[in-house]
Amino acid sequence: MLIVMKRGYTEEELQEVVREIEKVGYRPHVSRGVETTLVGAIGRGPTPELMEHFRALPGVAEVIPISKPWKLASLEVQPFPTVLEFPTGKTGGGHVLVAAGPCGVESREQTLRAAHYVKAHGAHMLRGGAFKPRTSPYAFQGLGLEGLKILAEAKRETGLPIVTEVLSPEQVELVAEYADVLQIGARNAQNFPLLQAVGEAGKPVLLKRGMSMTLEEFLMSAEYILSRGNMRVILVERGIRTFEKATRFTLDVAAVPVLKSWTHLPVWIDPSHPAGKRDWVIPLALAGLAAGADGLIVETHPEPEKALSDAAQQLHEHEFAELMDKVRRLVAALDKTLAAPVLG
């Protein structure tokens, strides 16, 4: 249920509401807006008697049932956008960030080279997989710990925060030592123990939509993370599996405005995986931003033809530079804010 505080409530009245929520076994979530303060009481469906109990508390204006199954992700609990802030910029609420880098960390030279040019062209985060989930057990699986150390070196040299994927609950502690953002890939979007583990890790989480997930299922996966006390979640639309074979996946651009109407969490687009071919990455990225996305995560490689994974969809440096030039112009036309390039 959602508890709306009266104008002019006192801090003691708010704390009494929070104590009462905890007393009945619910979890409180306080959302302070410019004009209204809301307190979400997260738990089982409330009885009419329980709602009446909270209506009678001092400082309470109204008590409303939360209609969505995703409680903490819902706009009903937090009616204004969540804005996540990193050393290189913000995302959400009209702020746009771009994360870019190779699909996988293959070598020190390859990763550092990519890190320096994505920074030079205006990216705000470095992406790269130290651990790679692959369909084939014989395919390149990443460099593991060595890859994490290479990413850490790239961060020291460029100042770019690192986003990298974690594959299992057992890896969370290790990856969190190196990563600024923990990525949950499409294959693990309903790995509930992993979602709970990253929720407890205290790092921002970039959650990709599963290739066969509905948007409701996607938000329920986010709820697993939020319910562990971690409200710093970025949702990423990365394409779903349909009957169409021309592209690797079908980018659900409509997911962006739908999600933005349901949740306060930032929504990004991954244009690389649905494209499957570098020629189509830029148009899909721009389509996602035009639909309202708060950021992009893009694959680019110094020598894509030599890449050990996703070679066909990774942008050359000049193509990434072209993308960033178009992103800057589009974001300005949309009256949004693209974080400034990272200096130094």
C-alpha atoms as a PDB file:
ATOM      1  CA  MET A   1       0.000   0.000   0.000  1.00  0.00           C
ATOM      2  CA  LEU A   2       1.002   3.628  -0.518  1.00  0.00           C
ATOM      3  CA  ILE A   3       0.727   6.123   2.333  1.00  0.00           C
ATOM      4  CA  VAL A   4       0.463   9.797   1.351  1.00  0.00           C
ATOM      5  CA  MET A   5       1.625  12.215   4.036  1.00  0.00           C
ATOM      6  CA  LYS A   6      -0.206  15.485   4.679  1.00  0.00           C
ATOM      7  CA  ARG A   7       1.329  18.821   3.799  1.00  0.00           C
ATOM      8  CA  GLY A   8       3.128  20.124   6.866  1.00  0.00           C
ATOM      9  CA  TYR A   9       3.642  16.710   8.479  1.00  0.00           C
ATOM     10  CA  THR A  10       6.356  16.529  11.111  1.00  0.00           C
ATOM     11  CA  GLU A  11       9.402  14.289  10.986  1.00  0.00           C
ATOM     12  CA  GLU A  12       8.165  12.507  14.109  1.00  0.00           C
ATOM     13  CA  GLU A  13       4.846  11.739  12.390  1.00  0.00           C
ATOM     14  CA  LEU A  14       6.742  10.296   9.433  1.00  0.00           C
ATOM     15  CA  GLN A  15       8.922   8.159  11.696  1.00  0.00           C
ATOM     16  CA  GLU A  16       5.817   6.876  13.509  1.00  0.00           C
ATOM     17  CA  VAL A  17       4.377   5.747  10.171  1.00  0.00           C
ATOM     18  CA  VAL A  18       7.655   3.974   9.357  1.00  0.00           C
ATOM     19  CA  ARG A  19       7.680   2.252  12.768  1.00  0.00           C
ATOM     20  CA  GLU A  20       4.087   1.083  12.323  1.00  0.00           C
ATOM     21  CA  ILE A  21       4.891  -0.301   8.877  1.00  0.00           C
ATOM     22  CA  GLU A  22       7.780  -2.320  10.292  1.00  0.00           C
ATOM     23  CA  LYS A  23       5.688  -3.447  13.251  1.00  0.00           C
ATOM     24  CA  VAL A  24       3.129  -5.181  10.989  1.00  0.00           C
ATOM     25  CA  GLY A  25       5.863  -6.948   9.000  1.00  0.00           C
ATOM     26  CA  TYR A  26       6.003  -4.668   5.960  1.00  0.00           C
ATOM     27  CA  ARG A  27       9.026  -2.922   4.489  1.00  0.00           C
ATOM     28  CA  PRO A  28       8.907   0.913   4.355  1.00  0.00           C
ATOM     29  CA  HIS A  29      10.141   2.930   1.394  1.00  0.00           C
ATOM     30  CA  VAL A  30      10.095   6.715   1.833  1.00  0.00           C
ATOM     31  CA  SER A  31       9.940   8.875  -1.294  1.00  0.00           C
ATOM     32  CA  ARG A  32      10.249  12.627  -0.682  1.00  0.00           C
ATOM     33  CA  GLY A  33       9.028  14.733  -3.593  1.00  0.00           C
ATOM     34  CA  VAL A  34       9.001  18.513  -3.971  1.00  0.00           C
ATOM     35  CA  GLU A  35       5.394  18.781  -2.802  1.00  0.00           C
ATOM     36  CA  THR A  36       4.426  15.325  -1.549  1.00  0.00           C
ATOM     37  CA  THR A  37       6.038  12.650   0.597  1.00  0.00           C
ATOM     38  CA  LEU A  38       4.981   9.074  -0.055  1.00  0.00           C
ATOM     39  CA  VAL A  39       5.691   6.014   2.050  1.00  0.00           C
ATOM     40  CA  GLY A  40       5.432   2.647   0.361  1.00  0.00           C
ATOM     41  CA  ALA A  41       4.567  -0.280   2.629  1.00  0.00           C
ATOM     42  CA  ILE A  42       5.868  -3.300   0.767  1.00  0.00           C
ATOM     43  CA  GLY A  43       4.483  -6.727   1.584  1.00  0.00           C
ATOM     44  CA  ARG A  44       1.370  -8.855   1.233  1.00  0.00           C
ATOM     45  CA  GLY A  45      -1.915  -7.297   0.113  1.00  0.00           C
ATOM     46  CA  PRO A  46      -3.276  -5.092   2.930  1.00  0.00           C
ATOM     47  CA  THR A  47      -6.649  -5.757   4.549  1.00  0.00           C
ATOM     48  CA  PRO A  48      -9.224  -2.936   4.766  1.00  0.00           C
ATOM     49  CA  GLU A  49      -8.679  -2.894   8.534  1.00  0.00           C
ATOM     50  CA  LEU A  50      -4.928  -2.401   8.129  1.00  0.00           C
ATOM     51  CA  MET A  51      -5.433   0.444   5.651  1.00  0.00           C
ATOM     52  CA  GLU A  52      -7.859   2.094   8.055  1.00  0.00           C
ATOM     53  CA  HIS A  53      -5.295   1.759  10.846  1.00  0.00           C
ATOM     54  CA  PHE A  54      -2.747   3.735   8.826  1.00  0.00           C
ATOM     55  CA  ARG A  55      -5.298   6.355   7.750  1.00  0.00           C
ATOM     56  CA  ALA A  56      -5.841   7.117  11.464  1.00  0.00           C
ATOM     57  CA  LEU A  57      -2.157   7.899  12.122  1.00  0.00           C
ATOM     58  CA  PRO A  58      -1.179  11.547  12.648  1.00  0.00           C
ATOM     59  CA  GLY A  59       0.202  13.188   9.530  1.00  0.00           C
ATOM     60  CA  VAL A  60      -1.367  10.698   7.070  1.00  0.00           C
ATOM     61  CA  ALA A  61      -3.528  12.155   4.281  1.00  0.00           C
ATOM     62  CA  GLU A  62      -4.463   8.992   2.382  1.00  0.00           C
ATOM     63  CA  VAL A  63      -3.718   5.271   2.047  1.00  0.00           C
ATOM     64  CA  ILE A  64      -3.879   3.721  -1.423  1.00  0.00           C
ATOM     65  CA  PRO A  65      -3.448   0.071  -2.471  1.00  0.00           C
ATOM     66  CA  ILE A  66      -0.519  -0.470  -4.872  1.00  0.00           C
ATOM     67  CA  SER A  67      -2.007  -2.069  -7.957  1.00  0.00           C
ATOM     68  CA  LYS A  68       1.227  -3.270  -9.604  1.00  0.00           C
ATOM     69  CA  PRO A  69       2.964  -6.509  -8.579  1.00  0.00           C
ATOM     70  CA  TRP A  70       6.300  -4.701  -8.931  1.00  0.00           C
ATOM     71  CA  LYS A  71       6.018  -2.568  -5.819  1.00  0.00           C
ATOM     72  CA  LEU A  72       9.360  -0.820  -5.427  1.00  0.00           C
ATOM     73  CA  ALA A  73       9.814  -0.330  -9.182  1.00  0.00           C
ATOM     74  CA  SER A  74       6.377   1.228  -9.583  1.00  0.00           C
ATOM     75  CA  LEU A  75       5.652   4.869 -10.275  1.00  0.00           C
ATOM     76  CA  GLU A  76       2.933   4.542  -7.664  1.00  0.00           C
ATOM     77  CA  VAL A  77       5.605   4.236  -4.956  1.00  0.00           C
ATOM     78  CA  GLN A  78       7.976   6.809  -6.493  1.00  0.00           C
ATOM     79  CA  PRO A  79       6.218   9.135  -8.935  1.00  0.00           C
ATOM     80  CA  PHE A  80       9.366  10.908 -10.141  1.00  0.00           C
ATOM     81  CA  PRO A  81      12.284   9.428 -12.139  1.00  0.00           C
ATOM     82  CA  THR A  82      15.232   7.868 -10.362  1.00  0.00           C
ATOM     83  CA  VAL A  83      18.446   9.643 -11.387  1.00  0.00           C
ATOM     84  CA  LEU A  84      21.656   7.670 -10.926  1.00  0.00           C
ATOM     85  CA  GLU A  85      24.838   9.673 -10.628  1.00  0.00           C
ATOM     86  CA  PHE A  86      28.341   8.490 -11.542  1.00  0.00           C
ATOM     87  CA  PRO A  87      31.644  10.390 -11.538  1.00  0.00           C
ATOM     88  CA  THR A  88      31.212  10.910 -15.300  1.00  0.00           C
ATOM     89  CA  GLY A  89      27.547  11.945 -15.393  1.00  0.00           C
ATOM     90  CA  LYS A  90      23.923  11.137 -14.657  1.00  0.00           C
ATOM     91  CA  THR A  91      21.269   8.896 -16.183  1.00  0.00           C
ATOM     92  CA  GLY A  92      17.502   9.177 -15.812  1.00  0.00           C
ATOM     93  CA  GLY A  93      15.204  12.170 -15.520  1.00  0.00           C
ATOM     94  CA  GLY A  94      16.387  13.734 -18.787  1.00  0.00           C
ATOM     95  CA  HIS A  95      20.067  12.824 -18.342  1.00  0.00           C
ATOM     96  CA  VAL A  96      21.717  10.483 -20.873  1.00  0.00           C
ATOM     97  CA  LEU A  97      24.865   8.346 -20.523  1.00  0.00           C
ATOM     98  CA  VAL A  98      26.720   6.115 -22.992  1.00  0.00           C
ATOM     99  CA  ALA A  99      28.654   2.972 -22.029  1.00  0.00           C
ATOM    100  CA  ALA A 100      30.893   1.508 -24.724  1.00  0.00           C
ATOM    101  CA  GLY A 101      33.689  -0.964 -25.227  1.00  0.00           C
ATOM    102  CA  PRO A 102      34.403  -4.449 -26.496  1.00  0.00           C
ATOM    103  CA  CYS A 103      32.095  -7.401 -26.011  1.00  0.00           C
ATOM    104  CA  GLY A 104      34.839  -9.292 -24.213  1.00  0.00           C
ATOM    105  CA  VAL A 105      38.142  -8.429 -22.572  1.00  0.00           C
ATOM    106  CA  GLU A 106      40.523 -10.343 -24.842  1.00  0.00           C
ATOM    107  CA  SER A 107      43.876  -8.739 -24.025  1.00  0.00           C
ATOM    108  CA  ARG A 108      45.411  -5.794 -22.230  1.00  0.00           C
ATOM    109  CA  GLU A 109      46.330  -4.045 -25.496  1.00  0.00           C
ATOM    110  CA  GLN A 110      42.854  -4.477 -27.016  1.00  0.00           C
ATOM    111  CA  THR A 111      40.999  -3.268 -23.925  1.00  0.00           C
ATOM    112  CA  LEU A 112      43.197  -0.246 -23.183  1.00  0.00           C
ATOM    113  CA  ARG A 113      43.081   0.830 -26.811  1.00  0.00           C
ATOM    114  CA  ALA A 114      39.282   0.634 -26.825  1.00  0.00           C
ATOM    115  CA  ALA A 115      39.051   2.424 -23.469  1.00  0.00           C
ATOM    116  CA  HIS A 116      41.096   5.370 -24.688  1.00  0.00           C
ATOM    117  CA  TYR A 117      39.185   5.895 -27.913  1.00  0.00           C
ATOM    118  CA  VAL A 118      35.694   5.501 -26.444  1.00  0.00           C
ATOM    119  CA  LYS A 119      36.674   8.151 -23.885  1.00  0.00           C
ATOM    120  CA  ALA A 120      38.060  10.395 -26.622  1.00  0.00           C
ATOM    121  CA  HIS A 121      34.791  10.185 -28.558  1.00  0.00           C
ATOM    122  CA  GLY A 122      32.621  10.972 -25.528  1.00  0.00           C
ATOM    123  CA  ALA A 123      31.632   7.714 -23.804  1.00  0.00           C
ATOM    124  CA  HIS A 124      31.015   7.905 -20.061  1.00  0.00           C
ATOM    125  CA  MET A 125      31.573   4.260 -19.070  1.00  0.00           C
ATOM    126  CA  LEU A 126      33.708   1.387 -20.287  1.00  0.00           C
ATOM    127  CA  ARG A 127      31.939  -1.914 -20.885  1.00  0.00           C
ATOM    128  CA  GLY A 128      33.724  -5.236 -21.331  1.00  0.00           C
ATOM    129  CA  GLY A 129      33.120  -8.814 -20.327  1.00  0.00           C
ATOM    130  CA  ALA A 130      35.711 -10.500 -18.118  1.00  0.00           C
ATOM    131  CA  PHE A 131      33.350 -13.469 -17.795  1.00  0.00           C
ATOM    132  CA  LYS A 132      31.391 -14.401 -20.918  1.00  0.00           C
ATOM    133  CA  PRO A 133      28.262 -16.609 -20.993  1.00  0.00           C
ATOM    134  CA  ARG A 134      28.425 -18.420 -24.332  1.00  0.00           C
ATOM    135  CA  THR A 135      26.014 -20.788 -26.026  1.00  0.00           C
ATOM    136  CA  SER A 136      28.861 -23.148 -26.882  1.00  0.00           C
ATOM    137  CA  PRO A 137      31.112 -24.533 -24.138  1.00  0.00           C
ATOM    138  CA  TYR A 138      33.972 -24.389 -26.648  1.00  0.00           C
ATOM    139  CA  ALA A 139      33.649 -20.654 -27.360  1.00  0.00           C
ATOM    140  CA  PHE A 140      35.748 -17.931 -25.710  1.00  0.00           C
ATOM    141  CA  GLN A 141      34.593 -17.637 -22.089  1.00  0.00           C
ATOM    142  CA  GLY A 142      36.543 -14.513 -21.109  1.00  0.00           C
ATOM    143  CA  LEU A 143      39.746 -14.018 -19.131  1.00  0.00           C
ATOM    144  CA  GLY A 144      38.110 -14.079 -15.695  1.00  0.00           C
ATOM    145  CA  LEU A 145      40.170 -12.481 -12.931  1.00  0.00           C
ATOM    146  CA  GLU A 146      42.854 -11.386 -15.394  1.00  0.00           C
ATOM    147  CA  GLY A 147      40.142  -9.595 -17.362  1.00  0.00           C
ATOM    148  CA  LEU A 148      38.915  -7.802 -14.249  1.00  0.00           C
ATOM    149  CA  LYS A 149      42.460  -6.599 -13.544  1.00  0.00           C
ATOM    150  CA  ILE A 150      42.764  -5.308 -17.110  1.00  0.00           C
ATOM    151  CA  LEU A 151      39.491  -3.407 -16.712  1.00  0.00           C
ATOM    152  CA  ALA A 152      40.771  -1.913 -13.463  1.00  0.00           C
ATOM    153  CA  GLU A 153      43.904  -0.722 -15.264  1.00  0.00           C
ATOM    154  CA  ALA A 154      41.761   0.812 -18.013  1.00  0.00           C
ATOM    155  CA  LYS A 155      39.765   2.666 -15.377  1.00  0.00           C
ATOM    156  CA  ARG A 156      42.947   4.027 -13.775  1.00  0.00           C
ATOM    157  CA  GLU A 157      44.215   5.279 -17.122  1.00  0.00           C
ATOM    158  CA  THR A 158      40.966   6.816 -18.393  1.00  0.00           C
ATOM    159  CA  GLY A 159      38.822   7.598 -15.352  1.00  0.00           C
ATOM    160  CA  LEU A 160      35.889   5.756 -16.917  1.00  0.00           C
ATOM    161  CA  PRO A 161      33.700   3.700 -14.555  1.00  0.00           C
ATOM    162  CA  ILE A 162      33.539  -0.017 -15.408  1.00  0.00           C
ATOM    163  CA  VAL A 163      30.429  -2.070 -16.192  1.00  0.00           C
ATOM    164  CA  THR A 164      30.986  -5.805 -16.501  1.00  0.00           C
ATOM    165  CA  GLU A 165      28.882  -8.932 -16.262  1.00  0.00           C
ATOM    166  CA  VAL A 166      28.588 -11.298 -13.307  1.00  0.00           C
ATOM    167  CA  LEU A 167      27.371 -14.829 -14.011  1.00  0.00           C
ATOM    168  CA  SER A 168      26.697 -16.447 -10.641  1.00  0.00           C
ATOM    169  CA  PRO A 169      26.080 -15.552  -6.989  1.00  0.00           C
ATOM    170  CA  GLU A 170      29.530 -16.924  -6.154  1.00  0.00           C
ATOM    171  CA  GLN A 171      31.175 -14.359  -8.480  1.00  0.00           C
ATOM    172  CA  VAL A 172      29.406 -11.289  -7.095  1.00  0.00           C
ATOM    173  CA  GLU A 173      31.908 -10.458  -4.355  1.00  0.00           C
ATOM    174  CA  LEU A 174      34.883 -10.802  -6.696  1.00  0.00           C
ATOM    175  CA  VAL A 175      33.384  -8.787  -9.561  1.00  0.00           C
ATOM    176  CA  ALA A 176      32.123  -6.098  -7.173  1.00  0.00           C
ATOM    177  CA  GLU A 177      35.740  -5.483  -6.085  1.00  0.00           C
ATOM    178  CA  TYR A 178      36.541  -4.247  -9.599  1.00  0.00           C
ATOM    179  CA  ALA A 179      33.282  -3.130 -11.236  1.00  0.00           C
ATOM    180  CA  ASP A 180      31.427   0.126 -10.689  1.00  0.00           C
ATOM    181  CA  VAL A 181      28.268  -1.376 -12.216  1.00  0.00           C
ATOM    182  CA  LEU A 182      27.305  -5.055 -12.105  1.00  0.00           C
ATOM    183  CA  GLN A 183      25.712  -6.270 -15.323  1.00  0.00           C
ATOM    184  CA  ILE A 184      23.116  -9.054 -15.393  1.00  0.00           C
ATOM    185  CA  GLY A 185      22.920 -10.445 -18.903  1.00  0.00           C
ATOM    186  CA  ALA A 186      19.834 -11.630 -20.759  1.00  0.00           C
ATOM    187  CA  ARG A 187      20.474 -15.293 -19.977  1.00  0.00           C
ATOM    188  CA  ASN A 188      20.514 -14.565 -16.240  1.00  0.00           C
ATOM    189  CA  ALA A 189      17.619 -12.120 -16.094  1.00  0.00           C
ATOM    190  CA  GLN A 190      15.556 -14.680 -14.156  1.00  0.00           C
ATOM    191  CA  ASN A 191      18.396 -16.181 -12.147  1.00  0.00           C
ATOM    192  CA  PHE A 192      16.733 -15.188  -8.896  1.00  0.00           C
ATOM    193  CA  PRO A 193      19.572 -16.121  -6.490  1.00  0.00           C
ATOM    194  CA  LEU A 194      21.931 -13.999  -8.618  1.00  0.00           C
ATOM    195  CA  LEU A 195      19.479 -11.089  -8.649  1.00  0.00           C
ATOM    196  CA  GLN A 196      19.233 -11.249  -4.867  1.00  0.00           C
ATOM    197  CA  ALA A 197      23.017 -11.426  -4.529  1.00  0.00           C
ATOM    198  CA  VAL A 198      23.647  -8.303  -6.640  1.00  0.00           C
ATOM    199  CA  GLY A 199      20.851  -6.605  -4.719  1.00  0.00           C
ATOM    200  CA  GLU A 200      22.850  -7.147  -1.545  1.00  0.00           C
ATOM    201  CA  ALA A 201      26.206  -6.152  -3.070  1.00  0.00           C
ATOM    202  CA  GLY A 202      25.570  -2.422  -2.822  1.00  0.00           C
ATOM    203  CA  LYS A 203      26.699  -1.613  -6.384  1.00  0.00           C
ATOM    204  CA  PRO A 204      24.514  -0.204  -9.184  1.00  0.00           C
ATOM    205  CA  VAL A 205      23.068  -2.954 -11.385  1.00  0.00           C
ATOM    206  CA  LEU A 206      22.524  -2.924 -15.141  1.00  0.00           C
ATOM    207  CA  LEU A 207      19.774  -5.482 -15.785  1.00  0.00           C
ATOM    208  CA  LYS A 208      19.224  -6.671 -19.344  1.00  0.00           C
ATOM    209  CA  ARG A 209      15.847  -7.973 -20.469  1.00  0.00           C
ATOM    210  CA  GLY A 210      15.720 -11.713 -21.111  1.00  0.00           C
ATOM    211  CA  MET A 211      15.267 -12.648 -24.740  1.00  0.00           C
ATOM    212  CA  SER A 212      11.819 -14.195 -24.056  1.00  0.00           C
ATOM    213  CA  MET A 213      10.640 -12.021 -21.149  1.00  0.00           C
ATOM    214  CA  THR A 214       7.496  -9.932 -21.026  1.00  0.00           C
ATOM    215  CA  LEU A 215       7.885  -6.435 -19.619  1.00  0.00           C
ATOM    216  CA  GLU A 216       6.015  -7.475 -16.480  1.00  0.00           C
ATOM    217  CA  GLU A 217       8.468 -10.339 -15.955  1.00  0.00           C
ATOM    218  CA  PHE A 218      11.326  -7.908 -16.572  1.00  0.00           C
ATOM    219  CA  LEU A 219      10.113  -5.568 -13.830  1.00  0.00           C
ATOM    220  CA  MET A 220       9.574  -8.464 -11.445  1.00  0.00           C
ATOM    221  CA  SER A 221      13.231  -9.406 -11.967  1.00  0.00           C
ATOM    222  CA  ALA A 222      14.187  -5.840 -11.103  1.00  0.00           C
ATOM    223  CA  GLU A 223      11.996  -6.152  -8.014  1.00  0.00           C
ATOM    224  CA  TYR A 224      14.228  -8.986  -6.731  1.00  0.00           C
ATOM    225  CA  ILE A 225      17.144  -6.528  -6.715  1.00  0.00           C
ATOM    226  CA  LEU A 226      15.159  -3.620  -5.281  1.00  0.00           C
ATOM    227  CA  SER A 227      13.654  -5.778  -2.537  1.00  0.00           C
ATOM    228  CA  ARG A 228      17.183  -6.373  -1.181  1.00  0.00           C
ATOM    229  CA  GLY A 229      17.620  -2.681  -0.575  1.00  0.00           C
ATOM    230  CA  ASN A 230      19.426  -1.739  -3.791  1.00  0.00           C
ATOM    231  CA  MET A 231      17.448   0.966  -5.615  1.00  0.00           C
ATOM    232  CA  ARG A 232      20.203   1.698  -8.157  1.00  0.00           C
ATOM    233  CA  VAL A 233      18.985  -0.389 -11.094  1.00  0.00           C
ATOM    234  CA  ILE A 234      19.155   0.410 -14.821  1.00  0.00           C
ATOM    235  CA  LEU A 235      16.798  -1.521 -17.111  1.00  0.00           C
ATOM    236  CA  VAL A 236      18.180  -2.398 -20.559  1.00  0.00           C
ATOM    237  CA  GLU A 237      16.072  -3.346 -23.577  1.00  0.00           C
ATOM    238  CA  ARG A 238      18.380  -5.497 -25.740  1.00  0.00           C
ATOM    239  CA  GLY A 239      15.998  -7.198 -28.146  1.00  0.00           C
ATOM    240  CA  ILE A 240      13.704 -10.197 -27.834  1.00  0.00           C
ATOM    241  CA  ARG A 241      13.419 -13.415 -29.784  1.00  0.00           C
ATOM    242  CA  THR A 242      10.651 -13.388 -32.395  1.00  0.00           C
ATOM    243  CA  PHE A 243       9.934 -15.151 -35.695  1.00  0.00           C
ATOM    244  CA  GLU A 244      12.025 -12.565 -37.592  1.00  0.00           C
ATOM    245  CA  LYS A 245      15.432 -13.829 -38.748  1.00  0.00           C
ATOM    246  CA  ALA A 246      16.795 -10.774 -40.580  1.00  0.00           C
ATOM    247  CA  THR A 247      18.184  -9.403 -37.321  1.00  0.00           C
ATOM    248  CA  ARG A 248      19.772 -11.285 -34.449  1.00  0.00           C
ATOM    249  CA  PHE A 249      16.929 -10.209 -32.135  1.00  0.00           C
ATOM    250  CA  THR A 250      13.962  -7.878 -32.511  1.00  0.00           C
ATOM    251  CA  LEU A 251      14.592  -4.586 -30.731  1.00  0.00           C
ATOM    252  CA  ASP A 252      11.415  -3.721 -28.836  1.00  0.00           C
ATOM    253  CA  VAL A 253      11.609   0.065 -29.104  1.00  0.00           C
ATOM    254  CA  ALA A 254       8.068   0.290 -27.722  1.00  0.00           C
ATOM    255  CA  ALA A 255       9.389  -1.181 -24.466  1.00  0.00           C
ATOM    256  CA  VAL A 256      11.045   2.156 -23.686  1.00  0.00           C
ATOM    257  CA  PRO A 257       7.933   4.363 -23.449  1.00  0.00           C
ATOM    258  CA  VAL A 258       5.946   1.527 -21.847  1.00  0.00           C
ATOM    259  CA  LEU A 259       8.546   1.012 -19.127  1.00  0.00           C
ATOM    260  CA  LYS A 260       8.858   4.762 -18.605  1.00  0.00           C
ATOM    261  CA  SER A 261       5.100   4.879 -17.957  1.00  0.00           C
ATOM    262  CA  TRP A 262       5.313   2.041 -15.405  1.00  0.00           C
ATOM    263  CA  THR A 263       8.565   2.575 -13.513  1.00  0.00           C
ATOM    264  CA  HIS A 264      10.803   5.319 -12.159  1.00  0.00           C
ATOM    265  CA  LEU A 265      13.974   3.373 -13.034  1.00  0.00           C
ATOM    266  CA  PRO A 266      16.271   4.533 -15.867  1.00  0.00           C
ATOM    267  CA  VAL A 267      15.801   2.655 -19.153  1.00  0.00           C
ATOM    268  CA  TRP A 268      18.654   2.092 -21.604  1.00  0.00           C
ATOM    269  CA  ILE A 269      18.978   0.557 -25.061  1.00  0.00           C
ATOM    270  CA  ASP A 270      21.534  -2.035 -26.174  1.00  0.00           C
ATOM    271  CA  PRO A 271      21.491  -1.688 -29.991  1.00  0.00           C
ATOM    272  CA  SER A 272      24.358  -4.093 -30.663  1.00  0.00           C
ATOM    273  CA  HIS A 273      22.739  -7.417 -29.774  1.00  0.00           C
ATOM    274  CA  PRO A 274      19.459  -6.962 -31.667  1.00  0.00           C
ATOM    275  CA  ALA A 275      21.295  -5.680 -34.740  1.00  0.00           C
ATOM    276  CA  GLY A 276      23.765  -8.540 -34.972  1.00  0.00           C
ATOM    277  CA  LYS A 277      25.407  -6.525 -37.734  1.00  0.00           C
ATOM    278  CA  ARG A 278      27.314  -3.280 -37.233  1.00  0.00           C
ATOM    279  CA  ASP A 279      25.548  -1.507 -40.141  1.00  0.00           C
ATOM    280  CA  TRP A 280      22.311  -1.424 -38.146  1.00  0.00           C
ATOM    281  CA  VAL A 281      23.655  -0.484 -34.709  1.00  0.00           C
ATOM    282  CA  ILE A 282      23.568   3.288 -35.181  1.00  0.00           C
ATOM    283  CA  PRO A 283      19.948   3.461 -36.466  1.00  0.00           C
ATOM    284  CA  LEU A 284      18.736   1.244 -33.604  1.00  0.00           C
ATOM    285  CA  ALA A 285      20.633   3.304 -31.025  1.00  0.00           C
ATOM    286  CA  LEU A 286      19.088   6.533 -32.302  1.00  0.00           C
ATOM    287  CA  ALA A 287      15.623   4.964 -32.416  1.00  0.00           C
ATOM    288  CA  GLY A 288      15.952   3.958 -28.768  1.00  0.00           C
ATOM    289  CA  LEU A 289      17.013   7.440 -27.694  1.00  0.00           C
ATOM    290  CA  ALA A 290      14.207   9.005 -29.726  1.00  0.00           C
ATOM    291  CA  ALA A 291      11.768   6.715 -27.906  1.00  0.00           C
ATOM    292  CA  GLY A 292      12.950   8.110 -24.578  1.00  0.00           C
ATOM    293  CA  ALA A 293      15.883   5.936 -23.457  1.00  0.00           C
ATOM    294  CA  ASP A 294      18.168   7.303 -20.731  1.00  0.00           C
ATOM    295  CA  GLY A 295      21.332   5.737 -22.106  1.00  0.00           C
ATOM    296  CA  LEU A 296      23.068   3.320 -24.449  1.00  0.00           C
ATOM    297  CA  ILE A 297      25.407   0.375 -24.002  1.00  0.00           C
ATOM    298  CA  VAL A 298      27.281  -0.267 -27.234  1.00  0.00           C
ATOM    299  CA  GLU A 299      29.903  -2.753 -28.414  1.00  0.00           C
ATOM    300  CA  THR A 300      32.996  -1.438 -30.183  1.00  0.00           C
ATOM    301  CA  HIS A 301      36.351  -3.092 -30.845  1.00  0.00           C
ATOM    302  CA  PRO A 302      39.700  -1.787 -32.170  1.00  0.00           C
ATOM    303  CA  GLU A 303      39.718  -4.598 -34.739  1.00  0.00           C
ATOM    304  CA  PRO A 304      36.194  -6.112 -34.905  1.00  0.00           C
ATOM    305  CA  GLU A 305      37.137  -8.670 -37.540  1.00  0.00           C
ATOM    306  CA  LYS A 306      39.555 -10.244 -35.030  1.00  0.00           C
ATOM    307  CA  ALA A 307      37.123 -10.214 -32.089  1.00  0.00           C
ATOM    308  CA  LEU A 308      36.714 -13.505 -30.213  1.00  0.00           C
ATOM    309  CA  SER A 309      32.969 -12.902 -29.716  1.00  0.00           C
ATOM    310  CA  ASP A 310      30.242 -10.896 -31.477  1.00  0.00           C
ATOM    311  CA  ALA A 311      32.627  -9.819 -34.230  1.00  0.00           C
ATOM    312  CA  ALA A 312      29.909  -8.867 -36.735  1.00  0.00           C
ATOM    313  CA  GLN A 313      28.106  -6.378 -34.482  1.00  0.00           C
ATOM    314  CA  GLN A 314      31.020  -4.504 -32.913  1.00  0.00           C
ATOM    315  CA  LEU A 315      31.640  -1.004 -34.279  1.00  0.00           C
ATOM    316  CA  HIS A 316      34.961   0.187 -35.665  1.00  0.00           C
ATOM    317  CA  GLU A 317      36.348   3.281 -33.967  1.00  0.00           C
ATOM    318  CA  HIS A 318      35.248   5.593 -36.795  1.00  0.00           C
ATOM    319  CA  GLU A 319      31.733   4.151 -36.616  1.00  0.00           C
ATOM    320  CA  PHE A 320      31.601   4.714 -32.868  1.00  0.00           C
ATOM    321  CA  ALA A 321      32.742   8.302 -33.424  1.00  0.00           C
ATOM    322  CA  GLU A 322      29.919   8.723 -35.953  1.00  0.00           C
ATOM    323  CA  LEU A 323      27.423   7.308 -33.457  1.00  0.00           C
ATOM    324  CA  MET A 324      28.504   9.729 -30.721  1.00  0.00           C
ATOM    325  CA  ASP A 325      28.271  12.700 -33.068  1.00  0.00           C
ATOM    326  CA  LYS A 326      24.687  11.747 -33.949  1.00  0.00           C
ATOM    327  CA  VAL A 327      23.842  11.028 -30.310  1.00  0.00           C
ATOM    328  CA  ARG A 328      24.966  14.522 -29.302  1.00  0.00           C
ATOM    329  CA  ARG A 329      22.762  16.148 -31.942  1.00  0.00           C
ATOM    330  CA  LEU A 330      19.742  13.958 -31.189  1.00  0.00           C
ATOM    331  CA  VAL A 331      19.949  14.418 -27.424  1.00  0.00           C
ATOM    332  CA  ALA A 332      20.102  18.192 -27.896  1.00  0.00           C
ATOM    333  CA  ALA A 333      17.061  18.062 -30.212  1.00  0.00           C
ATOM    334  CA  LEU A 334      15.175  16.073 -27.558  1.00  0.00           C
ATOM    335  CA  ASP A 335      15.986  18.783 -24.997  1.00  0.00           C
ATOM    336  CA  LYS A 336      17.830  16.284 -22.799  1.00  0.00           C
ATOM    337  CA  THR A 337      21.297  16.441 -21.272  1.00  0.00           C
ATOM    338  CA  LEU A 338      24.216  14.326 -22.458  1.00  0.00           C
ATOM    339  CA  ALA A 339      26.984  14.201 -19.884  1.00  0.00           C
ATOM    340  CA  ALA A 340      30.103  16.117 -20.883  1.00  0.00           C
ATOM    341  CA  PRO A 341      33.115  14.186 -22.223  1.00  0.00           C
ATOM    342  CA  VAL A 342      35.503  12.886 -19.572  1.00  0.00           C
ATOM    343  CA  LEU A 343      38.595  15.083 -19.388  1.00  0.00           C
ATOM    344  CA  GLY A 344      42.124  14.118 -18.475  1.00  0.00           C
END
